[in-house]
Amino acid sequence: MQNWFMRMAYKFANFMRGRRGNDEFGNFIIGVSIVLMFISFFNLQILWYIALALLVYWLFRMFSKNIPMRARENEVYLKLTANIRSWFNLQRKRWRGRKTTKYFKCKKCGSVYSLPKGKGKLKAKCPSCGEQAIHRT
């Protein structure tokens, strides 16, 4: 039985050779289709068909051998969602460091930088624009 699984894994790896596989845009498509399928349970049949179409498109992208085109699609998706993803990454970073770090927004350029908590008043320099400010941590 183990030999059969090894053969199937080898065959699948051989099949996927030269194909794109899954990427960030594919993950987004899967997430949207799952949400649409869930919403379609409330007697909205059209959303079920849209979700199925998205799943077919995801499979097409995943098994496509046109790697440059799929890479461009993924790059466009990443450019369009860069601000949203960076905001969520900042929130995740703030949550993880909430006990040891305090975050401040630069008044000049708007970038966010951090200082250690519990150190009193600190003179900080913005890493982006060099603006200096005094913060209580």
N, C-alpha and C. Protein backbone atom coordinates (compact mmCIF):
# COMPACT_ATOMS: atom_id res chain seq x y z
N MET A 1 0.82 -1.20 0.00
CA MET A 1 0.00 0.00 0.00
C MET A 1 0.86 1.26 0.00
N GLN A 2 1.93 1.25 0.81
CA GLN A 2 2.81 2.40 0.87
C GLN A 2 3.49 2.62 -0.49
N ASN A 3 3.81 1.54 -1.16
CA ASN A 3 4.43 1.63 -2.47
C ASN A 3 3.48 2.29 -3.47
N TRP A 4 2.19 1.99 -3.36
CA TRP A 4 1.20 2.59 -4.24
C TRP A 4 1.15 4.10 -4.04
N PHE A 5 1.17 4.56 -2.76
CA PHE A 5 1.17 5.99 -2.47
C PHE A 5 2.42 6.66 -3.01
N MET A 6 3.54 6.01 -2.90
CA MET A 6 4.79 6.57 -3.42
C MET A 6 4.71 6.71 -4.95
N ARG A 7 4.16 5.71 -5.62
CA ARG A 7 4.01 5.78 -7.08
C ARG A 7 3.07 6.91 -7.47
N MET A 8 1.96 7.05 -6.74
CA MET A 8 1.00 8.12 -7.06
C MET A 8 1.60 9.50 -6.80
N ALA A 9 2.37 9.63 -5.73
CA ALA A 9 3.02 10.90 -5.45
C ALA A 9 4.02 11.24 -6.55
N TYR A 10 4.74 10.25 -7.02
CA TYR A 10 5.69 10.46 -8.11
C TYR A 10 4.96 10.86 -9.39
N LYS A 11 3.85 10.19 -9.69
CA LYS A 11 3.08 10.52 -10.89
C LYS A 11 2.51 11.93 -10.82
N PHE A 12 2.01 12.31 -9.63
CA PHE A 12 1.47 13.66 -9.48
C PHE A 12 2.58 14.70 -9.61
N ALA A 13 3.74 14.45 -9.02
CA ALA A 13 4.86 15.37 -9.14
C ALA A 13 5.29 15.48 -10.60
N ASN A 14 5.27 14.38 -11.31
CA ASN A 14 5.60 14.38 -12.72
C ASN A 14 4.57 15.19 -13.52
N PHE A 15 3.28 15.05 -13.17
CA PHE A 15 2.22 15.79 -13.83
C PHE A 15 2.36 17.29 -13.59
N MET A 16 2.74 17.67 -12.38
CA MET A 16 2.84 19.09 -12.03
C MET A 16 4.12 19.75 -12.53
N ARG A 17 5.03 19.00 -13.05
CA ARG A 17 6.28 19.57 -13.56
C ARG A 17 5.96 20.54 -14.70
N GLY A 18 6.46 21.76 -14.58
CA GLY A 18 6.22 22.77 -15.60
C GLY A 18 4.90 23.50 -15.46
N ARG A 19 4.21 23.30 -14.36
CA ARG A 19 2.93 23.97 -14.12
C ARG A 19 3.09 24.96 -12.97
N ARG A 20 2.17 25.90 -12.91
CA ARG A 20 2.26 27.01 -11.96
C ARG A 20 1.99 26.57 -10.52
N GLY A 21 0.96 25.81 -10.29
CA GLY A 21 0.60 25.45 -8.92
C GLY A 21 -0.22 26.56 -8.29
N ASN A 22 -0.35 26.55 -6.99
CA ASN A 22 -1.15 27.55 -6.29
C ASN A 22 -0.29 28.75 -5.91
N ASP A 23 -0.92 29.93 -5.83
CA ASP A 23 -0.23 31.15 -5.41
C ASP A 23 -1.19 32.00 -4.61
N GLU A 24 -0.81 33.24 -4.31
CA GLU A 24 -1.63 34.11 -3.47
C GLU A 24 -2.97 34.42 -4.13
N PHE A 25 -2.96 34.68 -5.43
CA PHE A 25 -4.22 34.95 -6.13
C PHE A 25 -5.12 33.73 -6.10
N GLY A 26 -4.55 32.56 -6.22
CA GLY A 26 -5.33 31.33 -6.12
C GLY A 26 -5.94 31.17 -4.74
N ASN A 27 -5.19 31.51 -3.70
CA ASN A 27 -5.74 31.46 -2.34
C ASN A 27 -6.93 32.41 -2.20
N PHE A 28 -6.81 33.60 -2.80
CA PHE A 28 -7.90 34.57 -2.76
C PHE A 28 -9.14 34.02 -3.47
N ILE A 29 -8.94 33.41 -4.64
CA ILE A 29 -10.06 32.85 -5.39
C ILE A 29 -10.76 31.76 -4.59
N ILE A 30 -9.98 30.90 -3.94
CA ILE A 30 -10.57 29.84 -3.11
C ILE A 30 -11.38 30.45 -1.96
N GLY A 31 -10.83 31.46 -1.31
CA GLY A 31 -11.53 32.09 -0.19
C GLY A 31 -12.84 32.73 -0.63
N VAL A 32 -12.82 33.43 -1.76
CA VAL A 32 -14.04 34.06 -2.26
C VAL A 32 -15.07 33.00 -2.63
N SER A 33 -14.63 31.92 -3.26
CA SER A 33 -15.59 30.89 -3.66
C SER A 33 -16.20 30.20 -2.44
N ILE A 34 -15.44 29.99 -1.39
CA ILE A 34 -16.00 29.38 -0.17
C ILE A 34 -17.03 30.31 0.46
N VAL A 35 -16.72 31.62 0.51
CA VAL A 35 -17.68 32.58 1.06
C VAL A 35 -18.95 32.61 0.21
N LEU A 36 -18.80 32.61 -1.12
CA LEU A 36 -19.97 32.62 -1.99
C LEU A 36 -20.80 31.35 -1.84
N MET A 37 -20.14 30.22 -1.67
CA MET A 37 -20.88 28.97 -1.47
C MET A 37 -21.66 29.01 -0.16
N PHE A 38 -21.05 29.57 0.87
CA PHE A 38 -21.74 29.67 2.16
C PHE A 38 -22.95 30.59 2.04
N ILE A 39 -22.79 31.72 1.37
CA ILE A 39 -23.90 32.67 1.21
C ILE A 39 -25.00 32.05 0.34
N SER A 40 -24.61 31.21 -0.61
CA SER A 40 -25.60 30.63 -1.53
C SER A 40 -26.57 29.67 -0.81
N PHE A 41 -26.26 29.26 0.39
CA PHE A 41 -27.18 28.40 1.14
C PHE A 41 -28.46 29.13 1.52
N PHE A 42 -28.45 30.45 1.41
CA PHE A 42 -29.63 31.25 1.74
C PHE A 42 -30.47 31.53 0.49
N ASN A 43 -30.66 30.48 -0.33
CA ASN A 43 -31.51 30.52 -1.53
C ASN A 43 -31.05 31.54 -2.57
N LEU A 44 -29.75 31.71 -2.73
CA LEU A 44 -29.21 32.55 -3.79
C LEU A 44 -28.42 31.65 -4.73
N GLN A 45 -29.14 30.98 -5.62
CA GLN A 45 -28.56 29.96 -6.48
C GLN A 45 -27.48 30.52 -7.40
N ILE A 46 -27.60 31.77 -7.83
CA ILE A 46 -26.63 32.35 -8.76
C ILE A 46 -25.23 32.41 -8.14
N LEU A 47 -25.17 32.63 -6.83
CA LEU A 47 -23.86 32.69 -6.16
C LEU A 47 -23.17 31.33 -6.18
N TRP A 48 -23.96 30.26 -6.14
CA TRP A 48 -23.39 28.92 -6.22
C TRP A 48 -22.70 28.72 -7.57
N TYR A 49 -23.33 29.17 -8.63
CA TYR A 49 -22.75 29.03 -9.96
C TYR A 49 -21.51 29.92 -10.13
N ILE A 50 -21.55 31.10 -9.55
CA ILE A 50 -20.37 31.97 -9.60
C ILE A 50 -19.22 31.32 -8.84
N ALA A 51 -19.51 30.73 -7.69
CA ALA A 51 -18.47 30.05 -6.90
C ALA A 51 -17.89 28.88 -7.67
N LEU A 52 -18.73 28.11 -8.34
CA LEU A 52 -18.23 26.99 -9.15
C LEU A 52 -17.37 27.49 -10.30
N ALA A 53 -17.77 28.59 -10.93
CA ALA A 53 -16.97 29.16 -12.01
C ALA A 53 -15.61 29.61 -11.49
N LEU A 54 -15.58 30.20 -10.30
CA LEU A 54 -14.32 30.60 -9.71
C LEU A 54 -13.43 29.39 -9.40
N LEU A 55 -14.03 28.30 -8.94
CA LEU A 55 -13.25 27.09 -8.68
C LEU A 55 -12.68 26.51 -9.96
N VAL A 56 -13.44 26.55 -11.04
CA VAL A 56 -12.93 26.08 -12.33
C VAL A 56 -11.78 26.96 -12.79
N TYR A 57 -11.94 28.28 -12.62
CA TYR A 57 -10.86 29.20 -12.99
C TYR A 57 -9.62 28.94 -12.14
N TRP A 58 -9.81 28.66 -10.84
CA TRP A 58 -8.68 28.34 -9.97
C TRP A 58 -7.95 27.09 -10.45
N LEU A 59 -8.72 26.06 -10.81
CA LEU A 59 -8.09 24.84 -11.32
C LEU A 59 -7.35 25.11 -12.63
N PHE A 60 -7.96 25.91 -13.50
CA PHE A 60 -7.29 26.28 -14.75
C PHE A 60 -5.97 26.97 -14.47
N ARG A 61 -5.96 27.93 -13.54
CA ARG A 61 -4.73 28.65 -13.21
C ARG A 61 -3.69 27.72 -12.60
N MET A 62 -4.15 26.83 -11.73
CA MET A 62 -3.22 25.96 -11.03
C MET A 62 -2.54 24.96 -11.97
N PHE A 63 -3.28 24.45 -12.93
CA PHE A 63 -2.71 23.45 -13.83
C PHE A 63 -2.20 24.04 -15.14
N SER A 64 -2.20 25.35 -15.26
CA SER A 64 -1.76 26.00 -16.49
C SER A 64 -0.25 25.88 -16.66
N LYS A 65 0.18 25.71 -17.90
CA LYS A 65 1.61 25.68 -18.20
C LYS A 65 2.10 27.04 -18.68
N ASN A 66 1.20 28.01 -18.82
CA ASN A 66 1.58 29.36 -19.22
C ASN A 66 2.01 30.13 -17.97
N ILE A 67 3.18 29.81 -17.49
CA ILE A 67 3.67 30.35 -16.22
C ILE A 67 3.84 31.87 -16.26
N PRO A 68 4.38 32.48 -17.33
CA PRO A 68 4.52 33.94 -17.33
C PRO A 68 3.19 34.68 -17.20
N MET A 69 2.15 34.19 -17.87
CA MET A 69 0.85 34.84 -17.78
C MET A 69 0.26 34.72 -16.38
N ARG A 70 0.35 33.54 -15.78
CA ARG A 70 -0.17 33.35 -14.42
C ARG A 70 0.64 34.19 -13.42
N ALA A 71 1.95 34.34 -13.66
CA ALA A 71 2.78 35.16 -12.77
C ALA A 71 2.37 36.62 -12.88
N ARG A 72 2.04 37.09 -14.08
CA ARG A 72 1.58 38.48 -14.26
C ARG A 72 0.25 38.69 -13.54
N GLU A 73 -0.66 37.72 -13.65
CA GLU A 73 -1.94 37.84 -12.95
C GLU A 73 -1.73 37.94 -11.44
N ASN A 74 -0.84 37.11 -10.91
CA ASN A 74 -0.55 37.13 -9.48
C ASN A 74 0.10 38.45 -9.09
N GLU A 75 0.99 38.97 -9.94
CA GLU A 75 1.67 40.23 -9.65
C GLU A 75 0.68 41.39 -9.62
N VAL A 76 -0.27 41.41 -10.54
CA VAL A 76 -1.31 42.45 -10.54
C VAL A 76 -2.13 42.36 -9.26
N TYR A 77 -2.50 41.15 -8.86
CA TYR A 77 -3.26 40.97 -7.62
C TYR A 77 -2.45 41.48 -6.43
N LEU A 78 -1.16 41.15 -6.38
CA LEU A 78 -0.34 41.59 -5.26
C LEU A 78 -0.20 43.10 -5.23
N LYS A 79 -0.09 43.75 -6.39
CA LYS A 79 0.00 45.21 -6.44
C LYS A 79 -1.30 45.85 -5.97
N LEU A 80 -2.43 45.29 -6.40
CA LEU A 80 -3.72 45.86 -6.02
C LEU A 80 -4.02 45.72 -4.53
N THR A 81 -3.51 44.67 -3.91
CA THR A 81 -3.81 44.42 -2.50
C THR A 81 -2.64 44.74 -1.58
N ALA A 82 -1.62 45.42 -2.07
CA ALA A 82 -0.43 45.69 -1.25
C ALA A 82 -0.77 46.51 -0.01
N ASN A 83 -1.56 47.57 -0.16
CA ASN A 83 -1.88 48.41 0.99
C ASN A 83 -2.71 47.66 2.02
N ILE A 84 -3.66 46.88 1.57
CA ILE A 84 -4.52 46.12 2.49
C ILE A 84 -3.69 45.09 3.24
N ARG A 85 -2.83 44.37 2.51
CA ARG A 85 -2.01 43.35 3.16
C ARG A 85 -1.02 43.97 4.14
N SER A 86 -0.44 45.12 3.78
CA SER A 86 0.51 45.75 4.71
C SER A 86 -0.20 46.25 5.96
N TRP A 87 -1.46 46.73 5.83
CA TRP A 87 -2.21 47.16 7.01
C TRP A 87 -2.47 45.97 7.94
N PHE A 88 -2.89 44.83 7.36
CA PHE A 88 -3.13 43.64 8.18
C PHE A 88 -1.84 43.13 8.81
N ASN A 89 -0.74 43.20 8.09
CA ASN A 89 0.55 42.77 8.66
C ASN A 89 0.95 43.67 9.82
N LEU A 90 0.70 44.98 9.70
CA LEU A 90 1.00 45.90 10.80
C LEU A 90 0.13 45.59 12.01
N GLN A 91 -1.15 45.30 11.79
CA GLN A 91 -2.02 44.97 12.91
C GLN A 91 -1.57 43.69 13.60
N ARG A 92 -1.15 42.71 12.82
CA ARG A 92 -0.65 41.45 13.39
C ARG A 92 0.63 41.72 14.20
N LYS A 93 1.51 42.56 13.65
CA LYS A 93 2.75 42.89 14.36
C LYS A 93 2.46 43.66 15.65
N ARG A 94 1.50 44.59 15.60
CA ARG A 94 1.12 45.33 16.80
C ARG A 94 0.55 44.40 17.87
N TRP A 95 -0.25 43.44 17.45
CA TRP A 95 -0.85 42.52 18.40
C TRP A 95 0.21 41.65 19.07
N ARG A 96 1.16 41.17 18.28
CA ARG A 96 2.21 40.30 18.84
C ARG A 96 3.11 41.06 19.80
N GLY A 97 3.37 42.33 19.52
CA GLY A 97 4.28 43.10 20.36
C GLY A 97 3.58 44.04 21.30
N ARG A 98 2.30 43.80 21.60
CA ARG A 98 1.52 44.74 22.40
C ARG A 98 2.05 44.90 23.83
N LYS A 99 2.75 43.90 24.35
CA LYS A 99 3.22 43.98 25.74
C LYS A 99 4.61 44.61 25.84
N THR A 100 5.36 44.59 24.76
CA THR A 100 6.74 45.06 24.83
C THR A 100 7.03 46.27 23.96
N THR A 101 6.12 46.62 23.07
CA THR A 101 6.40 47.64 22.08
C THR A 101 5.23 48.61 21.96
N LYS A 102 5.56 49.89 21.72
CA LYS A 102 4.55 50.89 21.47
C LYS A 102 4.81 51.45 20.07
N TYR A 103 3.74 51.65 19.31
CA TYR A 103 3.86 52.09 17.92
C TYR A 103 3.40 53.53 17.79
N PHE A 104 4.13 54.30 16.98
CA PHE A 104 3.83 55.70 16.75
C PHE A 104 3.81 55.98 15.26
N LYS A 105 2.98 56.96 14.88
CA LYS A 105 2.87 57.36 13.48
C LYS A 105 3.59 58.70 13.32
N CYS A 106 4.44 58.77 12.31
CA CYS A 106 5.19 59.99 12.05
C CYS A 106 4.23 61.08 11.56
N LYS A 107 4.37 62.28 12.13
CA LYS A 107 3.49 63.38 11.76
C LYS A 107 3.82 63.94 10.38
N LYS A 108 5.05 63.74 9.94
CA LYS A 108 5.48 64.30 8.66
C LYS A 108 5.15 63.38 7.48
N CYS A 109 5.55 62.12 7.56
CA CYS A 109 5.38 61.21 6.41
C CYS A 109 4.29 60.17 6.61
N GLY A 110 3.81 59.95 7.85
CA GLY A 110 2.74 59.00 8.09
C GLY A 110 3.18 57.56 8.29
N SER A 111 4.48 57.29 8.24
CA SER A 111 4.92 55.91 8.44
C SER A 111 4.85 55.55 9.93
N VAL A 112 4.80 54.27 10.21
CA VAL A 112 4.66 53.79 11.58
C VAL A 112 6.00 53.20 12.02
N TYR A 113 6.43 53.59 13.23
CA TYR A 113 7.65 53.02 13.80
C TYR A 113 7.39 52.68 15.26
N SER A 114 8.27 51.87 15.82
CA SER A 114 8.03 51.35 17.16
C SER A 114 9.15 51.73 18.12
N LEU A 115 8.77 51.78 19.39
CA LEU A 115 9.71 52.03 20.48
C LEU A 115 9.39 51.05 21.61
N PRO A 116 10.39 50.68 22.41
CA PRO A 116 10.13 49.75 23.52
C PRO A 116 9.29 50.42 24.61
N LYS A 117 8.39 49.64 25.20
CA LYS A 117 7.52 50.15 26.27
C LYS A 117 8.29 50.27 27.57
N GLY A 118 7.84 51.20 28.42
CA GLY A 118 8.36 51.31 29.77
C GLY A 118 9.71 51.99 29.88
N LYS A 119 10.13 52.77 28.91
CA LYS A 119 11.43 53.44 28.96
C LYS A 119 11.31 54.93 29.26
N GLY A 120 10.09 55.41 29.52
CA GLY A 120 9.90 56.83 29.81
C GLY A 120 9.85 57.65 28.52
N LYS A 121 10.38 58.89 28.60
CA LYS A 121 10.40 59.74 27.42
C LYS A 121 11.61 59.39 26.56
N LEU A 122 11.35 59.19 25.28
CA LEU A 122 12.41 58.85 24.34
C LEU A 122 12.37 59.80 23.16
N LYS A 123 13.54 60.19 22.71
CA LYS A 123 13.64 60.98 21.49
C LYS A 123 13.83 59.99 20.34
N ALA A 124 12.88 60.00 19.41
CA ALA A 124 12.90 59.02 18.32
C ALA A 124 13.04 59.73 16.99
N LYS A 125 13.68 59.04 16.07
CA LYS A 125 13.87 59.55 14.71
C LYS A 125 13.13 58.62 13.75
N CYS A 126 12.30 59.20 12.90
CA CYS A 126 11.54 58.39 11.94
C CYS A 126 12.52 57.74 10.96
N PRO A 127 12.42 56.43 10.75
CA PRO A 127 13.34 55.75 9.84
C PRO A 127 13.12 56.13 8.37
N SER A 128 11.94 56.63 8.03
CA SER A 128 11.65 56.97 6.65
C SER A 128 12.11 58.37 6.27
N CYS A 129 11.72 59.37 7.07
CA CYS A 129 12.01 60.76 6.69
C CYS A 129 13.03 61.45 7.59
N GLY A 130 13.34 60.89 8.75
CA GLY A 130 14.32 61.47 9.63
C GLY A 130 13.76 62.48 10.61
N GLU A 131 12.46 62.69 10.63
CA GLU A 131 11.81 63.62 11.55
C GLU A 131 12.00 63.13 12.98
N GLN A 132 12.39 64.05 13.86
CA GLN A 132 12.62 63.69 15.26
C GLN A 132 11.42 64.11 16.11
N ALA A 133 11.08 63.28 17.10
CA ALA A 133 9.95 63.56 17.98
C ALA A 133 10.24 62.93 19.34
N ILE A 134 9.61 63.48 20.37
CA ILE A 134 9.75 62.94 21.73
C ILE A 134 8.45 62.21 22.05
N HIS A 135 8.59 60.96 22.48
CA HIS A 135 7.43 60.12 22.79
C HIS A 135 7.57 59.55 24.19
N ARG A 136 6.44 59.41 24.88
CA ARG A 136 6.41 58.75 26.19
C ARG A 136 5.98 57.30 25.95
N THR A 137 6.84 56.37 26.39
CA THR A 137 6.54 54.96 26.15
C THR A 137 6.06 54.27 27.41
